[in-house]
Amino acid sequence: MLFDKVITFDVTHVCVFLMFDSLLFTMWEAKRAFHHKAGVLTCIFLQIGPKFCLQRASQQKKYWGSKIDQARHSNEN
């Protein structure tokens, strides 16, 4: 198993903390690993901590929220 622990909690969006052995497991690889889980945000929990994770969650929520709004508007026209 690649991860020691996967802890999820709800912030309006779900944040996934990954605790793993290798620093070579990058954010990109983490996103790829979880890409099939719609709406799941992947945060690497090393020294960056939950505050960073929550900031990322907030940014992602705004980004995807605007994308969803754009899609809705284009469907209405």
Protein backbone atom coordinates (compact mmCIF):
# COMPACT_ATOMS: atom_id res chain seq x y z
CA MET A 1 0.00 0.00 0.00
CA LEU A 2 1.44 3.34 -1.09
CA PHE A 3 -0.20 5.42 1.61
CA ASP A 4 0.27 5.01 5.34
CA LYS A 5 -3.02 6.74 5.95
CA VAL A 6 -5.71 8.43 3.99
CA ILE A 7 -7.78 10.76 6.13
CA THR A 8 -10.78 12.52 4.68
CA PHE A 9 -12.96 15.19 6.15
CA ASP A 10 -15.57 17.56 4.80
CA VAL A 11 -14.90 21.26 4.26
CA THR A 12 -17.78 21.75 1.80
CA HIS A 13 -15.35 19.92 -0.40
CA VAL A 14 -13.53 16.79 0.63
CA CYS A 15 -9.85 17.14 1.31
CA VAL A 16 -7.66 14.10 1.14
CA PHE A 17 -4.52 13.97 3.22
CA LEU A 18 -1.93 11.60 1.92
CA MET A 19 0.80 10.44 4.22
CA PHE A 20 3.40 8.43 2.40
CA ASP A 21 7.00 7.37 2.50
CA SER A 22 8.36 8.79 -0.72
CA LEU A 23 8.73 12.48 -1.56
CA LEU A 24 8.85 11.43 -5.19
CA PHE A 25 5.09 11.04 -5.11
CA THR A 26 4.23 14.44 -6.50
CA MET A 27 1.05 16.50 -6.40
CA TRP A 28 0.54 15.69 -10.09
CA GLU A 29 0.77 11.96 -9.44
CA ALA A 30 -1.60 12.33 -6.51
CA LYS A 31 -4.12 14.12 -8.73
CA ARG A 32 -3.77 11.40 -11.34
CA ALA A 33 -4.30 8.70 -8.74
CA PHE A 34 -7.56 10.33 -7.61
CA HIS A 35 -8.79 11.79 -10.90
CA HIS A 36 -11.65 9.30 -11.10
CA LYS A 37 -13.14 10.54 -7.83
CA ALA A 38 -15.07 13.62 -8.92
CA GLY A 39 -14.84 16.56 -6.56
CA VAL A 40 -12.07 15.03 -4.46
CA LEU A 41 -9.20 17.36 -3.76
CA THR A 42 -5.82 15.90 -3.14
CA CYS A 43 -3.48 17.53 -0.67
CA ILE A 44 -0.11 16.22 0.26
CA PHE A 45 0.22 16.34 4.01
CA LEU A 46 3.89 16.68 4.82
CA GLN A 47 5.09 19.84 6.51
CA ILE A 48 2.48 21.97 4.76
CA GLY A 49 -0.31 21.02 7.16
CA PRO A 50 -4.07 21.38 7.09
CA LYS A 51 -4.09 25.18 6.70
CA PHE A 52 -2.50 24.88 3.27
CA CYS A 53 -4.90 22.10 2.42
CA LEU A 54 -7.89 24.26 3.32
CA GLN A 55 -6.55 27.15 1.24
CA ARG A 56 -6.15 24.83 -1.75
CA ALA A 57 -9.65 23.48 -1.19
CA SER A 58 -11.03 27.01 -1.23
CA GLN A 59 -9.15 27.90 -4.43
CA GLN A 60 -10.24 24.69 -6.16
CA LYS A 61 -13.83 25.23 -5.12
CA LYS A 62 -13.79 28.72 -6.68
CA TYR A 63 -12.10 27.42 -9.84
CA TRP A 64 -14.47 24.50 -10.39
CA GLY A 65 -17.45 26.62 -9.34
CA SER A 66 -16.67 29.11 -12.13
CA LYS A 67 -16.18 26.26 -14.64
CA ILE A 68 -19.54 24.75 -13.69
CA ASP A 69 -21.22 28.18 -14.00
CA GLN A 70 -19.68 28.64 -17.48
CA ALA A 71 -20.97 25.23 -18.54
CA ARG A 72 -24.46 26.04 -17.25
CA HIS A 73 -24.54 29.34 -19.16
CA SER A 74 -23.38 27.73 -22.40
CA ASN A 75 -26.09 25.05 -22.04
CA GLU A 76 -28.78 27.68 -21.52
CA ASN A 77 -27.91 29.52 -24.77
